[in-house]
Amino acid sequence: MFKSKYLKAGVFSTAFALTLAGCASEPDSEEASTDIDDTDAGEEAAGDDVSAGDNDLVIGVSSDATSMDPHTSSDVPSGNAQTNIYDTLVKYDTNMELEPLLAKEWEPVEDDVWEFKLREDVYFHDGTEFNAEVVEANIERILSEETASPRAILVEIIEDIEIVDDHTIQFITEDPFAPLPAHMAHYAISIISQDVIDEDNARVEEGGQPGDYVNENPVGTGFFKFDYWDHGDKVVLKNNEDYWGENAKVDSVTLQVIPEDLTRVGELETGGAHIIDPVDTSDMTRVESADGANVYERNAASITYLGYNMEKEPFDDARVRRAISKTLNKEAMLEGILDGTGATAFGPVDETNFGYSEDVNQLDRDPEKAKELLAEAGYEDGFETTIWTNDTRERMDIAELTQAGLAEIGVDAEIEVLEWGAYLDATSAGEHDMFILGLSLGTGDADYPMHMLFHSDSVGEGNRVMMDDPEFDEMLYQARIQQDEDARLALYEDATEYLIEEAPMSFLYHPSHVMGYRDEIEGFWSDASGLYQLQDVEIN
């Protein structure tokens, strides 16, 4: 494994093709994403000490985690730490087939009841026992209004929980819901120690914020334990020698923050980092030609988009939003920004997701038609606006190409670059005009990304376009309760058509995940959400 200079994921793990009966498929990148599928790449230098011991894995990442609490965060950099600390009930393998993890088996015992049989003799890093009560506490925490979890939409259809015995649990759903096992595979539904949850709740009662204690004491059942977090610099995990399953093969993992693209490449070349993420597509040739370094690429379950604030003029008019969409040259973005990797998007999901279909109308580039739409909306002379982005090279390039396209129709767009945390806060609060972001589509089924990006319940969380549309909410409801797969696909085709017409965002492209790794690394792979799978990684 990992001997060629340029390796696509399909060479060593089956391509991300999903054929899940009933619930089918959906990722972003939880992851992912998912999960805000973004990086916060600045121009700062890397930390002084990147290298580690002979069996200590170093991964150079562009941005730091924001939280160790999977229930209260929604970004992929955090997910890459969390997914290696915690376990979920079920997981996807490299073929995107669901397989057991903390749950040994699961089945629908009634149309609206899913039963999960849990593993016995599993213990958390703090020595407490894993059982059905702990699972119940985790789901209740995610659903709690006080927690205000951005992930609640994954399990919000659960109406009641029945503990059958210590290691059997039933989820009673409001309606029949085929995708529930797929949703349980999302890393956001990671299982946290009961003691940690109890202490976190106690902190909240004393005036703290949900997740404060979890963030300081991330205790799961995973094959790595949390060691320490030097905020802005690195997250360090150590091998959990008491793991209930097969142990990880490296002694530790350091997620070393190296914001600058070329600095990350340099660390890979010198061996200071074993793996780097991402590799900018413009740097792929350099990595390919470097001695001992290789490119890792896989198709991404992810969408990159230009979003509009539907609550602000002139973006409260669908004609204006469609007009902007018609100025965007997506092919130029793929070639100029991604060097031909990835695929153009015409809807929120790609072929990695159940719910994807090519049988929908698309908004083609047509600047003259865009001018007509602006005139119909009362903006024949254009208008002034802003495009927000964080400071990654890729997103800044998108902003510049968008700015140029808008100039063709008389729209004067100023680009504003925000720091990552401020960017998330401000777009969540609806302070923007237009913004560039992504989503990791983390469950393999269109139910999750469409709810996250567009449902009224997600306004201010994943739904940063501020879409509040009862008609579309009802379309999503009908699609999630439909049990016939063909009928369900048709409902998602209708939903995609509706989104193309309403244009709450311009769907730009589905990027590839491009990373780099050293010759001595074996057993590494990333899922389609961009989350690192590190259990089998070896350093030879």
Protein backbone atom coordinates (compact mmCIF):
# COMPACT_ATOMS: atom_id res chain seq x y z
CA MET A 1 0.00 0.00 0.00
CA PHE A 2 1.06 3.60 -0.73
CA LYS A 3 3.94 2.93 -3.10
CA SER A 4 2.99 5.04 -6.13
CA LYS A 5 3.86 8.73 -6.34
CA TYR A 6 0.27 9.68 -7.10
CA LEU A 7 -2.51 7.61 -5.62
CA LYS A 8 -6.25 7.98 -5.87
CA ALA A 9 -8.31 6.48 -3.08
CA GLY A 10 -9.93 4.00 -5.41
CA VAL A 11 -6.59 2.21 -5.83
CA PHE A 12 -6.63 0.91 -2.30
CA SER A 13 -10.18 1.47 -1.09
CA THR A 14 -13.33 1.11 -3.10
CA ALA A 15 -14.73 4.34 -4.50
CA PHE A 16 -17.39 6.03 -2.46
CA ALA A 17 -20.39 4.43 -4.17
CA LEU A 18 -23.40 4.00 -1.95
CA THR A 19 -26.11 1.43 -2.35
CA LEU A 20 -27.77 1.40 1.04
CA ALA A 21 -31.25 -0.05 0.79
CA GLY A 22 -33.98 2.15 2.17
CA CYS A 23 -31.71 4.87 3.53
CA ALA A 24 -29.06 4.99 0.82
CA SER A 25 -26.24 7.49 0.89
CA GLU A 26 -24.98 10.97 1.85
CA PRO A 27 -21.62 12.52 3.16
CA ASP A 28 -19.31 16.33 4.23
CA SER A 29 -17.92 16.73 4.62
CA GLU A 30 -19.86 15.22 8.19
CA GLU A 31 -18.50 15.28 7.44
CA ALA A 32 -18.68 15.64 5.96
CA SER A 33 -18.82 16.87 7.50
CA THR A 34 -20.74 17.64 8.29
CA ASP A 35 -20.08 19.71 9.07
CA ILE A 36 -18.70 22.93 7.83
CA ASP A 37 -16.19 21.74 5.30
CA ASP A 38 -13.68 24.53 5.63
CA THR A 39 -10.16 25.41 6.58
CA ASP A 40 -8.83 28.49 8.34
CA ALA A 41 -5.54 28.86 6.54
CA GLY A 42 -3.59 31.96 7.45
CA GLU A 43 -0.04 32.90 6.60
CA GLU A 44 1.57 32.17 9.97
CA ALA A 45 4.58 29.92 10.42
CA ALA A 46 4.24 26.42 11.80
CA GLY A 47 5.00 25.53 15.40
CA ASP A 48 8.67 25.17 16.31
CA ASP A 49 8.59 21.42 16.97
CA VAL A 50 6.71 19.43 14.36
CA SER A 51 8.66 16.19 14.50
CA ALA A 52 8.05 13.46 17.08
CA GLY A 53 9.29 10.00 18.05
CA ASP A 54 9.71 7.08 15.67
CA ASN A 55 6.19 5.77 16.26
CA ASP A 56 4.49 9.11 16.79
CA LEU A 57 2.33 10.14 13.84
CA VAL A 58 2.40 13.83 12.85
CA ILE A 59 -0.33 15.23 10.60
CA GLY A 60 0.12 18.78 9.35
CA VAL A 61 -3.29 20.45 9.19
CA SER A 62 -4.30 23.87 7.96
CA SER A 63 -6.50 24.81 10.89
CA ASP A 64 -7.01 24.05 14.55
CA ALA A 65 -9.99 22.32 16.05
CA THR A 66 -12.61 24.52 17.67
CA SER A 67 -13.96 21.95 20.13
CA MET A 68 -13.50 18.44 21.46
CA ASP A 69 -17.27 18.11 21.98
CA PRO A 70 -18.87 16.37 18.98
CA HIS A 71 -22.37 17.34 20.07
CA THR A 72 -21.85 21.11 20.09
CA SER A 73 -19.43 21.66 17.19
CA SER A 74 -19.81 21.31 13.44
CA ASP A 75 -16.46 21.78 11.72
CA VAL A 76 -14.28 19.15 10.07
CA PRO A 77 -11.01 20.15 11.82
CA SER A 78 -12.69 19.38 15.15
CA GLY A 79 -14.17 16.21 13.69
CA ASN A 80 -10.73 14.91 12.80
CA ALA A 81 -9.79 14.91 16.48
CA GLN A 82 -13.18 13.74 17.71
CA THR A 83 -13.54 10.80 15.33
CA ASN A 84 -10.35 9.28 16.74
CA ILE A 85 -11.30 9.79 20.40
CA TYR A 86 -14.90 8.61 20.35
CA ASP A 87 -16.81 5.70 18.84
CA THR A 88 -20.26 5.76 17.26
CA LEU A 89 -22.84 2.96 17.34
CA VAL A 90 -22.17 2.01 13.72
CA LYS A 91 -19.67 3.11 11.07
CA TYR A 92 -18.97 2.98 7.36
CA ASP A 93 -16.19 0.85 5.96
CA THR A 94 -14.10 1.78 2.91
CA ASN A 95 -16.89 0.48 0.67
CA MET A 96 -19.39 2.75 2.44
CA GLU A 97 -21.24 -0.23 3.85
CA LEU A 98 -22.52 0.12 7.40
CA GLU A 99 -20.76 -2.14 9.87
CA PRO A 100 -20.92 -2.66 13.65
CA LEU A 101 -18.99 -0.53 16.09
CA LEU A 102 -20.45 0.03 19.57
CA ALA A 103 -23.61 -1.67 18.34
CA LYS A 104 -23.27 -5.33 17.34
CA GLU A 105 -26.46 -5.38 15.27
CA TRP A 106 -29.60 -3.37 14.56
CA GLU A 107 -32.98 -3.90 12.97
CA PRO A 108 -36.39 -2.24 12.60
CA VAL A 109 -38.62 -4.21 14.98
CA GLU A 110 -41.60 -2.08 13.92
CA ASP A 111 -42.11 0.54 11.21
CA ASP A 112 -41.26 3.29 13.68
CA VAL A 113 -38.94 1.41 16.05
CA TRP A 114 -35.24 0.69 15.53
CA GLU A 115 -33.55 -1.70 17.97
CA PHE A 116 -29.78 -1.72 18.56
CA LYS A 117 -27.91 -4.49 20.36
CA LEU A 118 -24.86 -3.01 22.08
CA ARG A 119 -21.45 -4.49 22.78
CA GLU A 120 -20.67 -5.68 26.27
CA ASP A 121 -17.38 -5.22 28.14
CA VAL A 122 -16.68 -1.83 26.59
CA TYR A 123 -15.28 0.88 28.85
CA PHE A 124 -14.62 4.57 28.47
CA HIS A 125 -11.19 6.11 28.90
CA ASP A 126 -12.20 7.08 32.45
CA GLY A 127 -13.01 3.46 33.33
CA THR A 128 -16.78 3.83 33.34
CA GLU A 129 -18.91 1.25 31.57
CA PHE A 130 -20.62 1.65 28.22
CA ASN A 131 -24.27 0.58 28.22
CA ALA A 132 -27.75 1.49 27.02
CA GLU A 133 -28.21 4.18 29.67
CA VAL A 134 -25.13 5.99 28.40
CA VAL A 135 -26.44 5.88 24.84
CA GLU A 136 -29.77 7.28 26.03
CA ALA A 137 -27.99 10.11 27.87
CA ASN A 138 -26.00 11.01 24.75
CA ILE A 139 -29.03 11.14 22.46
CA GLU A 140 -31.00 13.14 25.03
CA ARG A 141 -28.10 15.59 25.33
CA ILE A 142 -28.01 16.11 21.55
CA LEU A 143 -31.77 16.65 21.48
CA SER A 144 -31.82 18.96 24.51
CA GLU A 145 -32.84 22.54 23.74
CA GLU A 146 -30.38 23.66 26.40
CA THR A 147 -27.51 21.99 24.55
CA ALA A 148 -28.68 23.62 21.30
CA SER A 149 -26.68 21.09 19.31
CA PRO A 150 -26.18 21.94 15.63
CA ARG A 151 -26.36 18.15 15.11
CA ALA A 152 -29.84 17.68 16.55
CA ILE A 153 -31.31 17.33 13.08
CA LEU A 154 -29.56 13.96 12.77
CA VAL A 155 -31.71 12.43 15.51
CA GLU A 156 -34.58 14.88 15.93
CA ILE A 157 -37.04 12.34 14.53
CA ILE A 158 -36.52 10.20 17.66
CA GLU A 159 -39.62 10.64 19.78
CA ASP A 160 -38.86 8.25 22.61
CA ILE A 161 -36.11 5.91 23.82
CA GLU A 162 -36.76 2.52 25.41
CA ILE A 163 -34.04 0.69 27.34
CA VAL A 164 -34.84 -3.00 26.93
CA ASP A 165 -31.88 -4.18 29.00
CA ASP A 166 -28.33 -3.05 29.80
CA HIS A 167 -27.18 -3.64 26.23
CA THR A 168 -30.36 -3.30 24.15
CA ILE A 169 -31.93 0.02 23.25
CA GLN A 170 -34.86 1.01 21.05
CA PHE A 171 -35.43 4.32 19.29
CA ILE A 172 -39.07 5.16 18.63
CA THR A 173 -39.37 7.64 15.77
CA GLU A 174 -42.18 10.05 14.97
CA ASP A 175 -42.57 8.40 11.58
CA PRO A 176 -40.91 5.50 9.76
CA PHE A 177 -37.32 6.62 9.18
CA ALA A 178 -35.09 4.36 7.11
CA PRO A 179 -31.90 6.51 7.36
CA LEU A 180 -31.59 6.27 11.15
CA PRO A 181 -28.67 3.74 11.19
CA ALA A 182 -26.84 5.91 8.64
CA HIS A 183 -27.33 8.93 10.86
CA MET A 184 -25.95 6.99 13.82
CA ALA A 185 -22.73 6.52 11.83
CA HIS A 186 -22.09 10.27 11.75
CA TYR A 187 -19.27 11.22 14.10
CA ALA A 188 -21.51 13.91 15.60
CA ILE A 189 -23.41 11.06 17.28
CA SER A 190 -20.24 9.98 19.09
CA ILE A 191 -20.79 8.48 22.52
CA ILE A 192 -19.35 10.44 25.47
CA SER A 193 -18.80 9.17 29.02
CA GLN A 194 -21.85 9.46 31.28
CA ASP A 195 -19.75 11.04 34.05
CA VAL A 196 -18.52 13.72 31.65
CA ILE A 197 -22.06 14.48 30.50
CA ASP A 198 -23.25 14.73 34.10
CA GLU A 199 -20.46 17.13 35.02
CA ASP A 200 -21.06 19.19 31.90
CA ASN A 201 -24.75 19.47 32.81
CA ALA A 202 -23.77 20.54 36.33
CA ARG A 203 -21.55 23.27 34.89
CA VAL A 204 -24.47 24.49 32.76
CA GLU A 205 -26.69 24.70 35.85
CA GLU A 206 -24.00 26.88 37.43
CA GLY A 207 -24.09 29.26 34.47
CA GLY A 208 -21.57 27.66 32.15
CA GLN A 209 -21.99 26.86 28.48
CA PRO A 210 -22.89 23.40 27.14
CA GLY A 211 -19.69 21.64 26.14
CA ASP A 212 -17.34 23.56 28.45
CA TYR A 213 -16.52 20.51 30.56
CA VAL A 214 -16.58 18.08 27.63
CA ASN A 215 -14.16 20.33 25.80
CA GLU A 216 -11.71 20.08 28.71
CA ASN A 217 -12.35 16.37 29.34
CA PRO A 218 -13.11 14.59 26.05
CA VAL A 219 -13.67 11.02 27.19
CA GLY A 220 -14.82 8.40 24.70
CA THR A 221 -14.26 4.70 24.03
CA GLY A 222 -12.02 5.19 21.00
CA PHE A 223 -8.64 3.71 20.12
CA PHE A 224 -6.95 7.03 20.97
CA LYS A 225 -7.22 9.04 24.17
CA PHE A 226 -7.05 12.80 24.43
CA ASP A 227 -3.64 13.91 25.70
CA TYR A 228 -3.53 17.70 25.43
CA TRP A 229 -4.53 20.65 23.27
CA ASP A 230 -2.22 23.60 22.75
CA HIS A 231 -4.81 25.94 21.28
CA GLY A 232 -3.79 27.32 17.91
CA ASP A 233 -0.83 24.97 17.68
CA LYS A 234 -1.62 21.29 18.10
CA VAL A 235 -3.91 18.57 19.40
CA VAL A 236 -2.16 15.47 20.73
CA LEU A 237 -3.80 12.05 21.14
CA LYS A 238 -2.21 8.97 22.67
CA ASN A 239 -2.77 5.28 22.08
CA ASN A 240 -5.55 3.75 24.18
CA GLU A 241 -3.86 0.50 25.13
CA ASP A 242 -7.08 -0.71 26.79
CA TYR A 243 -9.20 -0.29 23.68
CA TRP A 244 -11.99 -2.87 23.46
CA GLY A 245 -11.21 -3.68 19.81
CA GLU A 246 -8.05 -3.81 17.72
CA ASN A 247 -5.48 -1.34 19.01
CA ALA A 248 -4.11 1.52 16.96
CA LYS A 249 -0.57 0.87 15.75
CA VAL A 250 1.08 4.24 16.48
CA ASP A 251 1.90 5.53 19.94
CA SER A 252 0.44 8.98 19.42
CA VAL A 253 -1.08 11.35 16.88
CA THR A 254 -0.27 15.04 16.70
CA LEU A 255 -2.57 17.25 14.64
CA GLN A 256 -0.05 20.03 14.08
CA VAL A 257 -1.45 23.33 12.86
CA ILE A 258 0.54 24.56 9.85
CA PRO A 259 -1.62 27.26 8.26
CA GLU A 260 0.57 28.14 5.27
CA ASP A 261 0.22 25.78 2.30
CA LEU A 262 3.86 25.72 1.22
CA THR A 263 5.08 25.31 4.78
CA ARG A 264 2.97 22.16 5.08
CA VAL A 265 4.46 20.83 1.85
CA GLY A 266 7.94 21.63 3.14
CA GLU A 267 7.28 19.68 6.34
CA LEU A 268 6.16 16.70 4.25
CA GLU A 269 9.27 16.89 2.10
CA THR A 270 11.64 16.98 5.08
CA GLY A 271 9.76 14.34 7.07
CA GLY A 272 8.63 16.79 9.76
CA ALA A 273 5.07 15.65 9.00
CA HIS A 274 4.01 12.18 7.88
CA ILE A 275 0.69 13.34 6.41
CA ILE A 276 -0.50 16.81 5.39
CA ASP A 277 -4.01 18.07 4.70
CA PRO A 278 -4.85 19.73 2.46
CA VAL A 279 -2.46 19.85 -0.44
CA ASP A 280 -3.45 22.79 -2.57
CA THR A 281 -4.02 21.56 -6.10
CA SER A 282 -1.39 24.00 -7.37
CA ASP A 283 1.13 22.20 -5.15
CA MET A 284 0.31 18.65 -6.30
CA THR A 285 3.13 18.52 -8.85
CA ARG A 286 5.65 19.56 -6.22
CA VAL A 287 4.48 16.81 -3.86
CA GLU A 288 4.51 14.21 -6.64
CA SER A 289 8.08 15.08 -7.56
CA ALA A 290 9.38 15.23 -3.98
CA ASP A 291 11.54 12.36 -2.78
CA GLY A 292 9.58 10.15 -0.39
CA ALA A 293 6.29 12.06 -0.75
CA ASN A 294 3.03 11.11 -2.45
CA VAL A 295 -0.36 12.61 -3.30
CA TYR A 296 -3.51 11.07 -1.87
CA GLU A 297 -6.74 12.02 -3.64
CA ARG A 298 -10.27 10.80 -3.21
CA ASN A 299 -13.69 11.96 -4.31
CA ALA A 300 -15.30 14.07 -1.63
CA ALA A 301 -18.75 13.91 -0.16
CA SER A 302 -18.75 17.67 0.02
CA ILE A 303 -20.23 20.77 -1.56
CA THR A 304 -18.59 24.18 -1.99
CA TYR A 305 -21.10 26.97 -2.47
CA LEU A 306 -21.74 30.71 -2.68
CA GLY A 307 -24.52 31.51 -0.25
CA TYR A 308 -26.91 34.46 -0.14
CA ASN A 309 -28.60 36.08 2.84
CA MET A 310 -32.24 35.61 1.89
CA GLU A 311 -33.33 38.03 4.62
CA LYS A 312 -31.46 41.00 3.11
CA GLU A 313 -32.22 43.07 0.04
CA PRO A 314 -31.64 42.46 -2.80
CA PHE A 315 -31.05 38.78 -1.98
CA ASP A 316 -34.62 38.35 -0.77
CA ASP A 317 -35.56 38.21 -4.47
CA ALA A 318 -35.01 34.83 -6.19
CA ARG A 319 -34.45 36.59 -9.51
CA VAL A 320 -31.39 38.36 -8.13
CA ARG A 321 -30.04 35.11 -6.73
CA ARG A 322 -30.57 33.29 -10.03
CA ALA A 323 -28.96 36.18 -11.90
CA ILE A 324 -25.79 35.86 -9.85
CA SER A 325 -25.76 32.10 -10.35
CA LYS A 326 -25.87 32.69 -14.09
CA THR A 327 -22.69 34.79 -13.99
CA LEU A 328 -20.55 32.08 -12.37
CA ASN A 329 -18.07 30.16 -14.50
CA LYS A 330 -17.82 26.87 -12.62
CA GLU A 331 -15.61 25.24 -15.22
CA ALA A 332 -13.10 28.06 -14.83
CA MET A 333 -13.16 27.50 -11.08
CA LEU A 334 -12.41 23.81 -11.50
CA GLU A 335 -9.56 24.42 -13.92
CA GLY A 336 -8.14 27.58 -12.39
CA ILE A 337 -8.58 26.78 -8.71
CA LEU A 338 -8.67 22.98 -8.48
CA ASP A 339 -6.44 22.18 -11.46
CA GLY A 340 -9.16 20.01 -12.97
CA THR A 341 -9.87 17.96 -9.85
CA GLY A 342 -13.40 17.75 -8.46
CA ALA A 343 -16.69 18.11 -10.35
CA THR A 344 -19.08 20.98 -11.05
CA ALA A 345 -22.24 21.04 -8.94
CA PHE A 346 -25.81 21.75 -9.92
CA GLY A 347 -27.38 20.73 -6.60
CA PRO A 348 -26.32 20.22 -2.97
CA VAL A 349 -25.35 16.54 -3.26
CA ASP A 350 -23.28 14.47 -5.68
CA GLU A 351 -23.24 10.82 -6.71
CA THR A 352 -21.90 9.86 -3.29
CA ASN A 353 -25.34 10.60 -1.87
CA PHE A 354 -28.66 8.88 -2.15
CA GLY A 355 -30.94 11.57 -3.50
CA TYR A 356 -28.57 12.63 -6.28
CA SER A 357 -30.00 12.69 -9.80
CA GLU A 358 -28.93 14.22 -13.08
CA ASP A 359 -32.56 14.39 -14.20
CA VAL A 360 -33.06 17.98 -13.08
CA ASN A 361 -32.88 21.33 -14.84
CA GLN A 362 -29.69 23.30 -14.35
CA LEU A 363 -28.82 27.00 -14.25
CA ASP A 364 -26.32 27.50 -17.08
CA ARG A 365 -23.96 30.46 -17.30
CA ASP A 366 -25.71 33.23 -19.25
CA PRO A 367 -24.70 36.81 -18.33
CA GLU A 368 -27.22 38.34 -20.76
CA LYS A 369 -30.09 36.44 -19.15
CA ALA A 370 -28.67 37.46 -15.77
CA LYS A 371 -28.99 41.15 -16.76
CA GLU A 372 -32.62 40.55 -17.76
CA LEU A 373 -33.36 38.95 -14.38
CA LEU A 374 -31.77 41.89 -12.55
CA ALA A 375 -33.83 44.35 -14.59
CA GLU A 376 -37.03 42.42 -13.81
CA ALA A 377 -36.15 42.64 -10.12
CA GLY A 378 -35.60 46.42 -10.37
CA TYR A 379 -31.81 46.43 -10.44
CA GLU A 380 -31.10 47.20 -14.09
CA ASP A 381 -28.20 49.42 -12.98
CA GLY A 382 -26.82 46.76 -10.67
CA PHE A 383 -26.02 47.29 -6.99
CA GLU A 384 -23.18 47.24 -4.48
CA THR A 385 -22.60 44.29 -2.21
CA THR A 386 -19.95 42.28 -0.35
CA ILE A 387 -18.58 38.76 -0.66
CA TRP A 388 -17.33 37.29 2.60
CA THR A 389 -14.72 34.57 2.84
CA ASN A 390 -12.16 33.25 5.26
CA ASP A 391 -8.50 33.46 4.33
CA THR A 392 -7.93 30.24 2.41
CA ARG A 393 -6.33 30.48 -1.00
CA GLU A 394 -9.11 28.44 -2.60
CA ARG A 395 -11.99 30.50 -1.23
CA MET A 396 -10.28 33.80 -1.95
CA ASP A 397 -9.80 32.66 -5.55
CA ILE A 398 -13.52 31.81 -5.73
CA ALA A 399 -14.34 35.26 -4.39
CA GLU A 400 -12.21 36.94 -7.04
CA LEU A 401 -13.74 34.92 -9.90
CA THR A 402 -17.21 35.67 -8.54
CA GLN A 403 -16.37 39.35 -8.27
CA ALA A 404 -15.26 39.39 -11.92
CA GLY A 405 -18.42 37.62 -13.05
CA LEU A 406 -20.65 40.04 -11.17
CA ALA A 407 -18.89 43.01 -12.75
CA GLU A 408 -20.19 41.77 -16.13
CA ILE A 409 -23.76 42.49 -15.01
CA GLY A 410 -23.07 45.75 -13.20
CA VAL A 411 -22.85 44.38 -9.67
CA ASP A 412 -19.99 45.92 -7.69
CA ALA A 413 -18.88 43.34 -5.12
CA GLU A 414 -16.26 44.05 -2.48
CA ILE A 415 -14.39 41.08 -0.99
CA GLU A 416 -14.05 40.99 2.79
CA VAL A 417 -11.77 38.42 4.45
CA LEU A 418 -12.62 37.37 8.01
CA GLU A 419 -10.82 35.27 10.61
CA TRP A 420 -12.32 31.77 10.76
CA GLY A 421 -14.05 31.99 14.13
CA ALA A 422 -15.42 35.47 13.45
CA TYR A 423 -16.54 34.28 10.00
CA LEU A 424 -18.60 31.45 11.45
CA ASP A 425 -20.12 33.67 14.13
CA ALA A 426 -21.04 36.47 11.75
CA THR A 427 -22.58 34.24 9.07
CA SER A 428 -24.49 32.39 11.77
CA ALA A 429 -25.90 35.71 12.96
CA GLY A 430 -26.93 36.70 9.43
CA GLU A 431 -24.64 39.73 9.15
CA HIS A 432 -23.47 38.89 5.63
CA ASP A 433 -24.61 39.60 2.08
CA MET A 434 -22.89 36.76 0.22
CA PHE A 435 -20.45 34.22 1.60
CA ILE A 436 -18.38 31.23 0.48
CA LEU A 437 -18.49 28.05 2.50
CA GLY A 438 -18.74 24.29 2.21
CA LEU A 439 -20.48 21.36 3.84
CA SER A 440 -19.24 17.85 4.43
CA LEU A 441 -22.14 15.54 3.71
CA GLY A 442 -21.60 13.11 6.52
CA THR A 443 -24.26 10.36 6.51
CA GLY A 444 -24.56 9.09 2.94
CA ASP A 445 -28.16 10.31 2.56
CA ALA A 446 -29.55 13.58 1.20
CA ASP A 447 -31.80 13.97 4.23
CA TYR A 448 -28.94 15.35 6.32
CA PRO A 449 -27.37 17.98 4.02
CA MET A 450 -30.72 19.28 2.79
CA HIS A 451 -31.97 19.69 6.35
CA MET A 452 -28.68 21.20 7.49
CA LEU A 453 -28.40 23.72 4.66
CA PHE A 454 -32.03 24.70 4.02
CA HIS A 455 -34.52 23.61 6.70
CA SER A 456 -36.00 26.40 8.82
CA ASP A 457 -34.96 24.59 12.01
CA SER A 458 -31.32 25.01 10.96
CA VAL A 459 -31.39 28.78 10.42
CA GLY A 460 -28.27 30.25 11.98
CA GLU A 461 -26.54 26.88 12.15
CA GLY A 462 -25.94 25.01 8.90
CA ASN A 463 -28.62 27.13 7.22
CA ARG A 464 -26.65 30.36 6.88
CA VAL A 465 -28.64 31.44 3.83
CA MET A 466 -31.48 32.06 6.33
CA MET A 467 -33.98 30.07 4.25
CA ASP A 468 -37.32 29.78 6.03
CA ASP A 469 -39.68 28.11 3.58
CA PRO A 470 -42.58 25.98 4.90
CA GLU A 471 -43.17 24.50 1.45
CA PHE A 472 -39.62 23.24 1.21
CA ASP A 473 -39.70 22.02 4.83
CA GLU A 474 -42.70 19.89 3.91
CA MET A 475 -40.91 18.49 0.86
CA LEU A 476 -38.05 17.35 3.09
CA TYR A 477 -40.47 15.83 5.57
CA GLN A 478 -42.19 13.77 2.89
CA ALA A 479 -38.84 12.57 1.54
CA ARG A 480 -37.55 11.44 4.95
CA ILE A 481 -40.65 9.35 5.80
CA GLN A 482 -41.03 7.76 2.36
CA GLN A 483 -40.05 4.10 2.54
CA ASP A 484 -40.04 3.23 -1.17
CA GLU A 485 -36.59 3.99 -2.56
CA ASP A 486 -37.70 4.99 -6.06
CA ALA A 487 -40.43 7.25 -4.74
CA ARG A 488 -37.98 8.77 -2.28
CA LEU A 489 -35.47 9.51 -5.03
CA ALA A 490 -38.21 11.26 -7.03
CA LEU A 491 -38.97 13.45 -4.02
CA TYR A 492 -35.33 14.50 -3.81
CA GLU A 493 -35.36 15.30 -7.52
CA ASP A 494 -38.31 17.60 -6.86
CA ALA A 495 -36.48 19.14 -3.90
CA THR A 496 -33.39 19.79 -6.02
CA GLU A 497 -35.48 21.38 -8.77
CA TYR A 498 -37.05 23.64 -6.15
CA LEU A 499 -33.62 24.69 -4.87
CA ILE A 500 -32.35 25.40 -8.37
CA GLU A 501 -35.35 27.66 -8.98
CA GLU A 502 -35.22 29.44 -5.61
CA ALA A 503 -31.39 29.63 -5.66
CA PRO A 504 -30.72 30.18 -1.94
CA MET A 505 -27.13 29.47 -2.90
CA SER A 506 -25.09 28.87 -6.02
CA PHE A 507 -23.80 25.31 -6.06
CA LEU A 508 -20.22 25.64 -7.27
CA TYR A 509 -18.44 22.30 -7.16
CA HIS A 510 -17.79 19.07 -5.33
CA PRO A 511 -14.05 19.15 -4.57
CA SER A 512 -11.73 16.21 -4.20
CA HIS A 513 -9.88 15.64 -0.96
CA VAL A 514 -6.19 16.08 -1.78
CA MET A 515 -3.63 15.23 0.91
CA GLY A 516 0.01 14.22 1.03
CA TYR A 517 1.75 11.35 2.79
CA ARG A 518 5.25 9.94 3.25
CA ASP A 519 6.47 6.64 1.77
CA GLU A 520 6.82 5.16 5.25
CA ILE A 521 3.09 5.53 6.00
CA GLU A 522 0.84 2.53 5.48
CA GLY A 523 -2.81 1.94 6.31
CA PHE A 524 -3.99 5.56 6.04
CA TRP A 525 -7.22 6.49 4.36
CA SER A 526 -9.74 9.28 4.56
CA ASP A 527 -13.46 8.86 4.35
CA ALA A 528 -15.42 10.87 1.81
CA SER A 529 -16.02 13.60 4.39
CA GLY A 530 -12.29 14.13 4.77
CA LEU A 531 -12.06 12.53 8.21
CA TYR A 532 -8.80 10.70 8.89
CA GLN A 533 -9.04 6.95 9.54
CA LEU A 534 -6.01 6.29 11.73
CA GLN A 535 -6.62 2.98 13.49
CA ASP A 536 -4.54 0.96 11.02
CA VAL A 537 -1.85 3.53 10.24
CA GLU A 538 1.71 2.27 10.57
CA ILE A 539 5.04 4.08 10.30
CA ASN A 540 7.63 1.82 8.65
